[in-house]
Each structure stands twice: as structure tokens, then as C-alpha cells.
N, C-alpha and C. Protein backbone atom coordinates (compact mmCIF):
# COMPACT_ATOMS: atom_id res chain seq x y z
N MET A 1 21.09 36.78 17.83
CA MET A 1 19.84 36.23 17.10
C MET A 1 20.87 34.62 17.12
N GLU A 2 19.42 33.42 16.90
CA GLU A 2 20.64 31.73 17.14
C GLU A 2 21.20 31.60 15.80
N THR A 3 22.00 30.25 16.29
CA THR A 3 22.19 30.16 15.35
C THR A 3 21.93 28.68 14.91
N ASN A 4 21.51 28.16 13.83
CA ASN A 4 21.03 26.55 13.52
C ASN A 4 21.87 25.71 14.32
N HIS A 5 22.92 25.52 15.37
CA HIS A 5 23.43 24.78 15.49
C HIS A 5 22.22 25.17 17.32
N GLN A 6 22.41 26.39 17.91
CA GLN A 6 22.30 26.46 18.74
C GLN A 6 20.82 26.42 18.62
N SER A 7 19.94 26.17 17.55
CA SER A 7 18.38 25.90 17.31
C SER A 7 18.23 24.35 17.61
N SER A 8 19.45 23.83 16.42
CA SER A 8 18.92 22.15 16.65
C SER A 8 19.31 21.49 17.86
N GLU A 9 20.02 22.15 18.91
CA GLU A 9 19.84 21.46 19.94
C GLU A 9 18.46 21.90 20.94
N LYS A 10 18.36 22.88 20.61
CA LYS A 10 16.73 23.16 21.75
C LYS A 10 16.00 22.19 21.36
N TYR A 11 15.94 21.95 19.92
CA TYR A 11 14.58 20.77 19.15
C TYR A 11 15.23 19.93 19.34
N PRO A 12 16.16 19.36 19.22
CA PRO A 12 16.57 18.08 18.76
C PRO A 12 15.69 16.85 18.27
N LEU A 13 14.59 16.98 19.07
CA LEU A 13 13.63 15.40 18.53
C LEU A 13 12.98 15.90 17.16
N ASN A 14 12.80 17.66 17.04
CA ASN A 14 12.49 17.40 15.50
C ASN A 14 13.16 17.95 14.87
N THR A 15 14.40 18.05 14.95
CA THR A 15 15.56 17.84 13.77
C THR A 15 15.65 16.51 13.56
N ALA A 16 15.45 15.46 14.13
CA ALA A 16 15.61 14.20 13.98
C ALA A 16 14.51 13.60 13.21
N LEU A 17 13.27 14.38 13.95
CA LEU A 17 11.95 13.87 13.19
C LEU A 17 12.35 14.04 11.97
N GLU A 18 11.98 15.24 11.51
CA GLU A 18 12.87 15.73 10.02
C GLU A 18 13.81 14.66 9.11
N LYS A 19 15.16 14.17 10.04
CA LYS A 19 16.16 13.78 8.64
C LYS A 19 15.12 12.66 9.03
N GLU A 20 14.79 11.72 9.79
CA GLU A 20 13.59 10.35 10.02
C GLU A 20 12.84 10.51 8.15
N ASN A 21 12.55 11.72 8.28
CA ASN A 21 11.05 11.57 7.33
C ASN A 21 11.87 11.96 6.27
N GLN A 22 12.90 12.65 6.18
CA GLN A 22 13.31 12.94 5.01
C GLN A 22 14.10 11.60 3.75
N ILE A 23 14.40 10.79 5.18
CA ILE A 23 14.81 9.19 4.85
C ILE A 23 13.53 8.43 4.46
N ILE A 24 12.64 8.32 4.88
CA ILE A 24 11.74 7.15 4.52
C ILE A 24 11.01 8.07 3.16
N ALA A 25 11.46 9.32 3.09
CA ALA A 25 10.89 9.89 1.67
C ALA A 25 11.63 9.08 0.34
N GLU A 26 13.34 9.08 0.80
CA GLU A 26 14.33 9.14 0.30
C GLU A 26 14.42 7.78 -0.47
N ALA A 27 13.67 6.73 0.72
CA ALA A 27 13.32 5.08 0.60
C ALA A 27 12.54 4.85 -0.41
N LYS A 28 10.93 5.55 -0.02
CA LYS A 28 10.31 5.39 -1.08
C LYS A 28 9.97 5.83 -2.68
N GLN A 29 10.96 6.33 -2.56
CA GLN A 29 11.25 7.16 -4.55
C GLN A 29 12.32 5.94 -4.68
N LEU A 30 13.19 5.88 -4.09
CA LEU A 30 14.17 4.33 -4.22
C LEU A 30 13.60 3.17 -4.37
N LEU A 31 12.87 2.61 -3.70
CA LEU A 31 11.87 1.48 -3.88
C LEU A 31 10.98 1.64 -4.66
N TYR A 32 10.34 2.48 -4.73
CA TYR A 32 9.33 2.04 -6.06
C TYR A 32 9.92 2.84 -7.57
N LYS A 33 10.99 3.33 -7.28
CA LYS A 33 12.43 3.34 -9.02
C LYS A 33 12.68 1.91 -9.35
N ARG A 34 12.69 1.25 -8.26
CA ARG A 34 13.07 -0.52 -8.68
C ARG A 34 12.18 -1.08 -8.64
N MET A 35 10.88 -0.86 -8.11
CA MET A 35 9.21 -1.68 -8.30
C MET A 35 9.24 -1.49 -9.52
N THR A 36 9.35 -0.37 -10.29
CA THR A 36 8.88 -0.21 -11.50
C THR A 36 9.89 -0.60 -12.87
N ASN A 37 11.14 -0.66 -12.63
CA ASN A 37 12.75 -0.94 -13.47
C ASN A 37 12.70 -2.12 -13.81
N ARG A 38 11.99 -2.52 -15.11
CA ARG A 38 11.56 -3.54 -15.37
C ARG A 38 13.22 -4.58 -15.61
N LYS A 39 13.97 -3.91 -15.20
CA LYS A 39 14.87 -5.11 -15.07
C LYS A 39 14.94 -6.22 -13.77
N TYR A 40 14.33 -5.51 -12.72
CA TYR A 40 14.08 -6.27 -11.13
C TYR A 40 13.12 -7.27 -11.33
N ASP A 41 12.99 -7.99 -10.60
CA ASP A 41 11.93 -8.91 -10.35
C ASP A 41 11.46 -9.27 -9.18
N GLU A 42 12.39 -8.17 -7.95
CA GLU A 42 12.01 -8.11 -6.60
C GLU A 42 10.35 -8.16 -6.16
N PHE A 43 9.52 -7.45 -6.71
CA PHE A 43 8.08 -6.98 -6.68
C PHE A 43 7.48 -8.19 -7.06
N THR A 44 7.67 -9.29 -7.36
CA THR A 44 6.90 -10.87 -7.31
C THR A 44 7.10 -10.86 -5.86
N SER A 45 8.33 -10.71 -5.14
CA SER A 45 8.36 -11.62 -3.54
C SER A 45 7.53 -11.01 -2.67
N PRO A 46 6.64 -11.73 -1.64
CA PRO A 46 5.76 -10.89 -0.70
C PRO A 46 6.55 -10.28 0.01
N GLY A 47 8.08 -10.03 0.30
CA GLY A 47 8.66 -9.36 0.97
C GLY A 47 8.69 -7.73 0.65
N ALA A 48 8.97 -8.24 -0.70
CA ALA A 48 9.21 -6.57 -1.43
C ALA A 48 7.65 -5.72 -1.16
N VAL A 49 6.53 -6.54 -1.51
CA VAL A 49 5.80 -5.66 -1.46
C VAL A 49 5.16 -4.89 -0.11
N ARG A 50 5.80 -6.55 0.64
CA ARG A 50 5.51 -5.81 2.16
C ARG A 50 5.78 -4.37 2.87
N ASP A 51 7.10 -4.56 1.93
CA ASP A 51 7.73 -3.40 2.34
C ASP A 51 7.67 -2.06 1.67
N TYR A 52 6.89 -2.21 0.97
CA TYR A 52 6.31 -0.90 -0.40
C TYR A 52 5.52 -1.03 0.64
N LEU A 53 4.24 -1.17 0.99
CA LEU A 53 2.92 -1.14 1.26
C LEU A 53 3.28 -0.75 2.68
N CYS A 54 4.38 -0.85 3.39
CA CYS A 54 4.58 -0.57 5.21
C CYS A 54 5.00 1.03 5.08
N LEU A 55 6.09 1.02 3.82
CA LEU A 55 6.62 2.40 3.33
C LEU A 55 5.17 3.35 3.49
N HIS A 56 4.45 2.86 2.68
CA HIS A 56 3.21 4.02 1.99
C HIS A 56 1.87 3.71 2.98
N LEU A 57 1.91 2.43 3.70
CA LEU A 57 0.29 2.88 4.85
C LEU A 57 1.05 2.41 6.45
N ALA A 58 1.61 2.53 6.74
CA ALA A 58 2.03 1.78 7.83
C ALA A 58 1.60 3.07 8.93
N GLU A 59 0.99 3.18 10.10
CA GLU A 59 0.98 4.74 10.55
C GLU A 59 0.52 6.12 10.29
N ARG A 60 -0.41 5.44 9.05
CA ARG A 60 -1.27 6.52 8.78
C ARG A 60 -2.22 7.25 9.70
N LYS A 61 -2.94 8.26 9.67
CA LYS A 61 -3.64 7.94 10.69
C LYS A 61 -5.35 7.63 10.60
N TYR A 62 -5.84 7.53 9.35
CA TYR A 62 -7.00 7.62 8.52
C TYR A 62 -6.69 6.34 7.76
N GLU A 63 -8.12 5.43 7.34
CA GLU A 63 -7.55 3.99 6.25
C GLU A 63 -7.69 4.45 5.07
N ILE A 64 -6.62 3.67 4.67
CA ILE A 64 -6.12 4.24 2.99
C ILE A 64 -6.31 2.31 2.67
N PHE A 65 -7.56 2.31 1.02
CA PHE A 65 -7.23 1.71 0.66
C PHE A 65 -6.38 1.80 -1.15
N TYR A 66 -5.14 0.88 -1.13
CA TYR A 66 -4.24 0.97 -1.86
C TYR A 66 -4.32 0.17 -3.22
N CYS A 67 -4.14 0.03 -3.92
CA CYS A 67 -4.22 -0.48 -5.50
C CYS A 67 -3.04 -0.55 -6.31
N LEU A 68 -1.95 -1.53 -6.59
CA LEU A 68 -1.14 -1.99 -6.92
C LEU A 68 -1.44 -2.67 -8.13
N PHE A 69 -1.15 -1.89 -9.41
CA PHE A 69 -1.46 -2.51 -10.68
C PHE A 69 -0.36 -3.32 -11.49
N LEU A 70 -0.69 -4.44 -11.62
CA LEU A 70 0.34 -5.12 -12.67
C LEU A 70 0.26 -5.28 -13.93
N ASP A 71 1.62 -5.67 -14.41
CA ASP A 71 1.32 -5.66 -15.61
C ASP A 71 0.77 -7.58 -15.93
N SER A 72 0.88 -8.18 -17.32
CA SER A 72 0.99 -9.88 -17.26
C SER A 72 1.88 -10.54 -16.92
N GLN A 73 3.02 -10.15 -16.66
CA GLN A 73 4.09 -10.92 -16.44
C GLN A 73 4.68 -10.18 -14.53
N HIS A 74 3.16 -9.51 -13.69
CA HIS A 74 3.22 -9.37 -12.32
C HIS A 74 4.18 -8.45 -12.37
N ARG A 75 4.71 -6.97 -12.76
CA ARG A 75 5.80 -6.15 -12.60
C ARG A 75 4.85 -4.94 -12.38
N LEU A 76 5.35 -4.31 -11.90
CA LEU A 76 4.31 -2.90 -11.15
C LEU A 76 3.87 -1.93 -12.61
N LEU A 77 2.71 -1.92 -12.73
CA LEU A 77 3.01 -0.67 -13.36
C LEU A 77 2.49 1.21 -12.68
N ASP A 78 1.55 0.36 -11.81
CA ASP A 78 1.34 1.79 -11.19
C ASP A 78 1.01 1.65 -9.48
N GLY A 79 0.41 2.21 -8.35
CA GLY A 79 0.17 1.82 -7.61
C GLY A 79 -0.69 3.53 -7.15
N LYS A 80 -1.55 2.76 -6.57
CA LYS A 80 -2.62 4.61 -5.94
C LYS A 80 -3.23 4.39 -5.04
N GLU A 81 -3.38 5.28 -4.85
CA GLU A 81 -4.67 5.69 -3.66
C GLU A 81 -5.59 6.09 -3.94
N LEU A 82 -6.39 4.88 -3.58
CA LEU A 82 -8.12 4.79 -4.73
C LEU A 82 -9.34 5.45 -3.39
N PHE A 83 -8.94 5.18 -2.48
CA PHE A 83 -9.85 5.44 -1.52
C PHE A 83 -9.39 6.02 0.47
N ARG A 84 -9.39 7.08 0.35
CA ARG A 84 -9.43 7.77 2.38
C ARG A 84 -10.48 7.51 2.89
N GLY A 85 -10.15 7.03 4.27
CA GLY A 85 -11.38 6.70 5.00
C GLY A 85 -11.20 7.35 6.25
N THR A 86 -11.65 7.09 7.42
CA THR A 86 -11.32 7.29 8.37
C THR A 86 -10.89 6.83 9.67
N ILE A 87 -11.50 7.37 10.65
CA ILE A 87 -9.90 6.15 11.64
C ILE A 87 -10.07 4.49 12.17
N ASP A 88 -11.33 3.86 11.36
CA ASP A 88 -11.51 3.27 10.90
C ASP A 88 -12.51 2.42 10.37
N GLY A 89 -12.41 2.99 9.29
CA GLY A 89 -13.18 2.21 8.47
C GLY A 89 -13.25 3.23 6.52
N CYS A 90 -13.25 2.98 5.83
CA CYS A 90 -13.11 3.17 4.41
C CYS A 90 -13.98 2.24 3.17
N SER A 91 -14.89 3.80 2.12
CA SER A 91 -16.28 2.96 1.60
C SER A 91 -15.08 2.60 0.73
N ILE A 92 -15.43 1.12 -0.21
CA ILE A 92 -14.49 0.91 -0.93
C ILE A 92 -15.54 0.47 -2.02
N TYR A 93 -15.35 1.35 -3.72
CA TYR A 93 -16.33 1.24 -4.51
C TYR A 93 -15.92 -0.01 -5.48
N PRO A 94 -16.46 -1.21 -5.73
CA PRO A 94 -15.76 -1.76 -6.74
C PRO A 94 -15.89 -1.53 -8.38
N ARG A 95 -16.88 -0.38 -8.89
CA ARG A 95 -16.73 -0.16 -10.12
C ARG A 95 -15.43 1.47 -10.22
N GLU A 96 -15.06 1.80 -8.58
CA GLU A 96 -13.60 2.52 -9.41
C GLU A 96 -12.48 1.44 -9.10
N VAL A 97 -12.23 0.33 -8.69
CA VAL A 97 -11.53 0.05 -8.75
C VAL A 97 -11.54 -0.73 -10.11
N VAL A 98 -12.61 -1.14 -10.50
CA VAL A 98 -12.45 -1.54 -12.20
C VAL A 98 -12.10 -0.25 -12.75
N LYS A 99 -12.61 0.34 -13.06
CA LYS A 99 -12.58 1.89 -13.93
C LYS A 99 -10.76 2.02 -14.07
N ALA A 100 -10.08 1.85 -12.66
CA ALA A 100 -8.82 2.14 -12.94
C ALA A 100 -8.13 1.44 -12.82
N THR A 101 -8.40 0.42 -13.08
CA THR A 101 -7.88 -0.84 -13.67
C THR A 101 -7.50 -1.03 -15.25
N LEU A 102 -9.13 -0.76 -15.46
CA LEU A 102 -8.80 -0.54 -17.21
C LEU A 102 -8.53 0.98 -17.54
N GLU A 103 -7.99 2.07 -17.01
CA GLU A 103 -7.16 3.21 -17.51
C GLU A 103 -6.02 2.59 -17.56
N ILE A 104 -5.53 2.10 -16.83
CA ILE A 104 -4.01 1.65 -16.74
C ILE A 104 -3.65 0.52 -17.57
N ASN A 105 -4.72 0.12 -18.06
CA ASN A 105 -4.51 -1.70 -18.44
C ASN A 105 -3.63 -2.49 -17.89
N ALA A 106 -4.19 -2.42 -16.58
CA ALA A 106 -3.54 -3.53 -15.53
C ALA A 106 -3.81 -5.01 -15.76
N ALA A 107 -3.60 -6.39 -16.03
CA ALA A 107 -3.55 -7.79 -15.87
C ALA A 107 -4.13 -8.18 -14.89
N ALA A 108 -3.75 -7.37 -13.91
CA ALA A 108 -3.18 -8.37 -12.10
C ALA A 108 -3.60 -7.08 -11.48
N VAL A 109 -4.19 -7.19 -10.24
CA VAL A 109 -3.81 -6.13 -9.08
C VAL A 109 -3.53 -7.02 -7.74
N ILE A 110 -2.61 -6.25 -7.09
CA ILE A 110 -3.24 -6.44 -5.80
C ILE A 110 -3.64 -5.42 -4.72
N LEU A 111 -4.52 -5.66 -3.56
CA LEU A 111 -5.33 -4.72 -3.13
C LEU A 111 -4.63 -4.53 -1.40
N ALA A 112 -4.57 -3.20 -1.33
CA ALA A 112 -4.43 -3.61 0.17
C ALA A 112 -4.92 -2.28 0.89
N HIS A 113 -4.69 -2.24 2.16
CA HIS A 113 -5.24 -0.82 3.43
C HIS A 113 -4.76 -1.30 4.11
N ASN A 114 -5.01 -0.11 5.05
CA ASN A 114 -3.93 0.00 6.58
C ASN A 114 -4.79 -0.64 7.61
N HIS A 115 -4.52 -0.37 8.55
CA HIS A 115 -5.90 0.11 10.15
C HIS A 115 -5.09 0.33 10.59
N PRO A 116 -5.80 2.16 11.16
CA PRO A 116 -5.15 2.53 11.52
C PRO A 116 -5.16 2.62 13.26
N SER A 117 -5.77 1.92 13.55
CA SER A 117 -5.48 1.09 14.90
C SER A 117 -4.32 0.12 15.58
N GLY A 118 -3.66 -0.08 14.25
CA GLY A 118 -2.31 -0.55 14.53
C GLY A 118 -2.67 -2.18 14.32
N LEU A 119 -3.32 -2.75 14.46
CA LEU A 119 -3.63 -4.09 14.19
C LEU A 119 -4.19 -4.24 13.31
N ALA A 120 -3.27 -5.51 12.42
CA ALA A 120 -3.41 -5.98 10.90
C ALA A 120 -4.51 -6.89 10.48
N GLU A 121 -5.07 -7.36 12.20
CA GLU A 121 -5.88 -8.67 11.52
C GLU A 121 -7.71 -8.40 10.72
N PRO A 122 -7.19 -9.08 9.82
CA PRO A 122 -8.31 -8.61 8.91
C PRO A 122 -10.28 -8.70 9.33
N SER A 123 -10.74 -8.13 9.30
CA SER A 123 -12.49 -8.10 9.17
C SER A 123 -13.00 -8.60 8.43
N ALA A 124 -14.30 -9.24 8.98
CA ALA A 124 -15.59 -9.79 8.02
C ALA A 124 -15.19 -9.15 6.85
N ALA A 125 -15.80 -7.67 6.90
CA ALA A 125 -15.84 -6.68 6.32
C ALA A 125 -14.65 -6.49 5.09
N ASP A 126 -13.31 -6.61 5.73
CA ASP A 126 -12.13 -7.10 4.34
C ASP A 126 -12.58 -7.83 3.10
N ARG A 127 -13.19 -9.06 4.36
CA ARG A 127 -13.06 -10.58 3.61
C ARG A 127 -14.15 -10.51 2.41
N GLN A 128 -15.12 -10.04 2.66
CA GLN A 128 -16.47 -9.51 2.04
C GLN A 128 -16.12 -8.56 0.89
N ILE A 129 -15.23 -7.14 1.15
CA ILE A 129 -15.53 -6.63 0.40
C ILE A 129 -14.13 -7.50 -0.99
N THR A 130 -12.65 -8.18 0.09
CA THR A 130 -12.21 -8.74 -1.43
C THR A 130 -12.40 -10.20 -1.63
N ASP A 131 -13.90 -10.40 -1.80
CA ASP A 131 -14.41 -11.24 -2.62
C ASP A 131 -14.86 -10.10 -4.17
N ARG A 132 -15.80 -9.72 -3.74
CA ARG A 132 -16.29 -8.54 -3.86
C ARG A 132 -15.91 -7.76 -5.43
N LEU A 133 -15.12 -7.40 -5.10
CA LEU A 133 -13.82 -6.73 -5.83
C LEU A 133 -12.94 -8.25 -6.79
N LYS A 134 -13.05 -9.65 -6.27
CA LYS A 134 -12.47 -10.22 -6.80
C LYS A 134 -13.11 -10.73 -7.77
N SER A 135 -14.58 -10.70 -7.66
CA SER A 135 -15.76 -11.02 -8.42
C SER A 135 -16.00 -10.25 -10.48
N ALA A 136 -15.79 -8.71 -9.43
CA ALA A 136 -15.75 -7.45 -10.07
C ALA A 136 -14.40 -7.66 -11.27
N LEU A 137 -13.78 -7.79 -10.72
CA LEU A 137 -12.34 -8.19 -11.72
C LEU A 137 -12.41 -8.63 -12.18
N ALA A 138 -13.17 -10.07 -11.85
CA ALA A 138 -12.87 -10.84 -12.63
C ALA A 138 -13.66 -11.39 -13.92
N LEU A 139 -14.96 -10.04 -13.93
CA LEU A 139 -15.75 -9.75 -15.27
C LEU A 139 -15.13 -9.46 -16.44
N VAL A 140 -13.75 -8.70 -15.76
CA VAL A 140 -13.01 -7.90 -16.87
C VAL A 140 -11.39 -9.01 -17.26
N ASP A 141 -11.48 -9.96 -17.01
CA ASP A 141 -10.47 -10.85 -16.92
C ASP A 141 -8.95 -9.96 -16.28
N VAL A 142 -9.21 -9.10 -15.25
CA VAL A 142 -7.72 -9.50 -14.17
C VAL A 142 -8.05 -10.13 -13.00
N ARG A 143 -7.19 -10.21 -12.46
CA ARG A 143 -6.86 -11.04 -11.07
C ARG A 143 -6.01 -10.63 -10.13
N VAL A 144 -7.20 -10.65 -9.10
CA VAL A 144 -6.19 -10.47 -7.84
C VAL A 144 -5.57 -11.50 -7.27
N LEU A 145 -4.10 -10.85 -7.27
CA LEU A 145 -3.07 -11.41 -6.39
C LEU A 145 -3.03 -11.60 -5.20
N ASP A 146 -3.58 -10.96 -4.41
CA ASP A 146 -3.13 -10.57 -2.91
C ASP A 146 -4.08 -9.35 -2.54
N HIS A 147 -4.67 -9.76 -1.23
CA HIS A 147 -5.14 -8.29 -0.44
C HIS A 147 -4.25 -7.95 0.84
N PHE A 148 -3.57 -7.50 1.02
CA PHE A 148 -2.82 -7.09 2.42
C PHE A 148 -3.39 -5.92 2.89
N VAL A 149 -3.43 -6.55 4.45
CA VAL A 149 -3.88 -5.50 5.60
C VAL A 149 -2.48 -4.91 6.07
N VAL A 150 -2.32 -3.50 6.96
CA VAL A 150 -1.13 -3.07 7.20
C VAL A 150 -1.57 -2.39 8.55
N GLY A 151 -0.51 -3.44 9.66
CA GLY A 151 -0.68 -2.77 10.68
C GLY A 151 0.15 -1.93 11.00
N ASP A 152 0.71 -1.37 12.56
CA ASP A 152 1.92 -0.76 12.63
C ASP A 152 3.47 -1.58 12.95
N GLN A 153 2.90 -3.18 12.91
CA GLN A 153 4.00 -3.65 13.17
C GLN A 153 3.83 -5.12 12.76
N ASP A 154 2.84 -5.29 11.86
CA ASP A 154 2.40 -6.75 11.07
C ASP A 154 1.55 -6.38 9.51
N VAL A 155 2.06 -7.28 8.39
CA VAL A 155 0.98 -7.18 7.75
C VAL A 155 0.62 -8.52 7.34
N ILE A 156 -0.80 -8.91 7.22
CA ILE A 156 -1.76 -9.69 6.75
C ILE A 156 -1.49 -9.84 5.22
N SER A 157 -1.23 -11.31 4.70
CA SER A 157 -1.72 -11.95 3.38
C SER A 157 -2.52 -12.49 2.82
N PHE A 158 -3.83 -12.26 2.35
CA PHE A 158 -4.73 -12.90 2.18
C PHE A 158 -4.84 -14.28 1.24
N ALA A 159 -3.35 -14.01 0.89
CA ALA A 159 -3.27 -15.57 -0.38
C ALA A 159 -2.26 -16.35 0.41
N GLU A 160 -1.71 -15.65 1.62
CA GLU A 160 -1.17 -16.65 2.83
C GLU A 160 -1.42 -17.38 3.70
N ARG A 161 -3.23 -16.83 3.65
CA ARG A 161 -3.79 -17.85 5.01
C ARG A 161 -4.96 -18.41 3.92
N GLY A 162 -4.23 -18.16 2.53
CA GLY A 162 -5.26 -18.80 1.55
C GLY A 162 -6.44 -18.56 1.26
N TRP A 163 -6.96 -17.32 1.74
CA TRP A 163 -8.34 -16.55 1.19
C TRP A 163 -8.22 -16.19 0.06
N ILE A 164 -6.98 -16.39 -0.87
CA ILE A 164 -7.20 -16.10 -2.07
C ILE A 164 -6.64 -16.93 -3.40
């Protein structure tokens, strides 16, 4: 019978990967707790938002559309995966985004999605859906603060590019 020590020597990559996954899961929990703690204002910084989104969206094998719901002071109320797509696209329904925003009673939102290809450059379709969501949410007095596209190595902000 093998001991745990011998087993981990036989499969060092699996053990290392499991440890990394555990650290990432703990980092996600810690970052989420910090972001939702009203004593911290870090979530208003683009760097903190990027870190949070990278932890949730980078290296996914399929496209995820994620929404961060914020209060009137731009503090995080909740973050939710609203839609899941395939390796190269995701259907997004403005009605469902508005519905989720109203259920949470958010005053503002930050939109985000990943590109499973690893390239973060936004497409024309990304810009079009952002405009549609901005218009739909404006009807219920909810501001879209930004839309982030997450790749493997980069995160693109629509606001930083002057698109929002």
C-alpha cells in the first residue's frame, strides 16, 4: 500500500494543481468578502475590479457574461453570472439584465465577460450589446459604469477607452 507521500511524488503536477486551485478559491472568497465589506472602498478602483473579474472569468473554457451590481455609492451589492455561452459567443438578453438589476435594487452596474480565445480585444458585437444594455438600464435609472472584457493576460475597460 502506498503512503500519501509516495502518491504525491508519483503525481506532483496533480498535487501542485490542487494546491493552486485551493489558493485561488481562498483568494476569491477573501476578495469577495473585502469587496462587499462597506468599510473598504477598493471596489471603486479599476485595479480591484480587474483583479476580481480575473479571478472569476479568466481561463474559462466557455464565454460567461457577468454583472456586478452596485449601490448608489458604487459599493458592491452582488456579482452574478447571468449568461453562459460557448467557446466563441454568448447570448445576452437585456430584459434579463434589467430584471436581475431591479431584483437586487442596484443603482449602477459593471458589465463583464470573458473571451475564451484568450484575446481581450472587444468585438463590434461587444460594443453593440453594451449600447443596448446601457439604453435598457437607463430606462430604469441604472447607470452602466463600465464593461470589461477579460482575456488570459489582459483586461480591457470600455470606460478607459472612452466607449462608456
